[in-house]
Amino acid sequence: MGATAARHAAMYDTYIMKRTQIYLEADQDRRLAARASGNGVTKSTLIREAIETYLATPDHADQLAQFRAAIEAVADAPAQLPDGASYVETIRSADAARQAELDERRG
């Protein structure tokens, strides 16, 4: 085996792909070929990129499970809210301080 052949063999040994076959509708094949040609890549490259994008997107079931887990975590945590009278007094005090600052600026 020559040096070039050995280099190519080594390249393919480290970068192994699994061959698969898919069936496309004629229109899909035509549009895929046009896009591949326009981007200067092969149809296979576009198909691999599309599959990678699809697989990188979380499954709706996973998203729903994560959402439910977050809701359950919040539901189990006690609310750290003041009683109503204390809350209203805090808001009124902040409003009064803000109004006093505005009055002072106006002179």
Protein backbone atom coordinates (compact mmCIF):
# COMPACT_ATOMS: atom_id res chain seq x y z
CA MET A 1 0.00 0.00 0.00
CA GLY A 2 1.44 3.39 -1.02
CA ALA A 3 1.76 6.41 1.29
CA THR A 4 -1.35 8.10 -0.13
CA ALA A 5 -3.45 4.95 0.20
CA ALA A 6 -2.23 4.43 3.77
CA ARG A 7 -3.11 8.03 4.65
CA HIS A 8 -6.62 7.60 3.22
CA ALA A 9 -7.08 4.29 5.03
CA ALA A 10 -6.02 5.88 8.33
CA MET A 11 -8.44 8.76 7.74
CA TYR A 12 -11.36 6.41 7.24
CA ASP A 13 -10.39 4.26 10.24
CA THR A 14 -10.79 7.25 12.57
CA TYR A 15 -13.91 8.66 10.91
CA ILE A 16 -16.40 5.84 10.51
CA MET A 17 -19.92 6.41 9.24
CA LYS A 18 -22.78 3.99 9.06
CA ARG A 19 -24.37 3.69 5.67
CA THR A 20 -28.16 3.80 5.54
CA GLN A 21 -30.75 4.13 2.84
CA ILE A 22 -33.79 6.39 2.79
CA TYR A 23 -36.59 6.87 0.32
CA LEU A 24 -37.49 10.39 -0.75
CA GLU A 25 -40.39 11.66 -2.78
CA ALA A 26 -39.31 12.93 -6.20
CA ASP A 27 -39.98 16.54 -5.22
CA GLN A 28 -38.00 16.15 -1.99
CA ASP A 29 -35.06 14.73 -3.91
CA ARG A 30 -35.20 17.55 -6.46
CA ARG A 31 -35.31 20.27 -3.77
CA LEU A 32 -32.59 18.56 -1.73
CA ALA A 33 -30.34 18.32 -4.80
CA ALA A 34 -30.93 21.99 -5.62
CA ARG A 35 -30.11 23.12 -2.09
CA ALA A 36 -27.03 20.88 -1.92
CA SER A 37 -25.79 22.23 -5.24
CA GLY A 38 -26.45 25.81 -4.14
CA ASN A 39 -24.47 25.27 -0.92
CA GLY A 40 -21.67 23.34 -2.60
CA VAL A 41 -22.21 20.22 -0.51
CA THR A 42 -23.64 16.75 -1.05
CA LYS A 43 -27.17 15.67 -0.37
CA SER A 44 -25.75 13.33 2.28
CA THR A 45 -24.19 16.28 4.09
CA LEU A 46 -27.50 18.12 4.17
CA ILE A 47 -29.31 15.02 5.40
CA ARG A 48 -26.74 14.50 8.20
CA GLU A 49 -27.02 18.16 9.21
CA ALA A 50 -30.82 17.95 9.29
CA ILE A 51 -30.71 14.79 11.41
CA GLU A 52 -28.19 16.38 13.80
CA THR A 53 -30.42 19.45 14.21
CA TYR A 54 -33.43 17.23 14.86
CA LEU A 55 -31.58 15.08 17.40
CA ALA A 56 -30.10 18.10 19.19
CA THR A 57 -33.58 19.49 19.85
CA PRO A 58 -35.08 18.23 23.12
CA ASP A 59 -37.98 15.85 22.81
CA HIS A 60 -41.35 17.38 23.79
CA ALA A 61 -41.80 14.65 26.40
CA ASP A 62 -38.44 15.60 27.95
CA GLN A 63 -39.39 19.28 27.98
CA LEU A 64 -42.72 18.48 29.61
CA ALA A 65 -41.02 16.32 32.25
CA GLN A 66 -38.55 19.13 33.03
CA PHE A 67 -41.41 21.63 33.29
CA ARG A 68 -43.36 19.37 35.64
CA ALA A 69 -40.27 18.82 37.80
CA ALA A 70 -39.78 22.59 38.07
CA ILE A 71 -43.42 23.12 39.04
CA GLU A 72 -43.21 20.37 41.67
CA ALA A 73 -39.99 21.87 43.09
CA VAL A 74 -41.66 25.28 43.44
CA ALA A 75 -44.85 23.79 44.84
CA ASP A 76 -42.89 21.99 47.58
CA ALA A 77 -40.98 25.13 48.60
CA PRO A 78 -42.70 27.23 51.27
CA ALA A 79 -43.60 30.71 50.14
CA GLN A 80 -41.59 33.38 51.94
CA LEU A 81 -44.20 36.12 51.77
CA PRO A 82 -44.95 38.66 54.49
CA ASP A 83 -48.44 38.98 55.88
CA GLY A 84 -50.74 41.36 53.98
CA ALA A 85 -50.50 44.27 56.43
CA SER A 86 -46.68 44.18 56.46
CA TYR A 87 -46.57 44.05 52.67
CA VAL A 88 -48.90 47.05 52.31
CA GLU A 89 -46.89 49.02 54.88
CA THR A 90 -43.63 48.28 53.01
CA ILE A 91 -45.15 49.50 49.73
CA ARG A 92 -46.59 52.63 51.36
CA SER A 93 -43.25 53.45 53.02
CA ALA A 94 -41.42 53.07 49.70
CA ASP A 95 -44.00 55.28 47.99
CA ALA A 96 -43.73 57.93 50.72
CA ALA A 97 -39.91 57.92 50.50
CA ARG A 98 -40.07 58.22 46.71
CA GLN A 99 -42.57 61.08 46.95
CA ALA A 100 -40.41 62.90 49.52
CA GLU A 101 -37.40 62.58 47.20
CA LEU A 102 -39.39 63.99 44.28
CA ASP A 103 -40.69 66.87 46.42
CA GLU A 104 -37.14 67.66 47.52
CA ARG A 105 -35.88 67.74 43.94
CA ARG A 106 -38.68 70.10 42.90
CA GLY A 107 -37.68 72.47 45.70
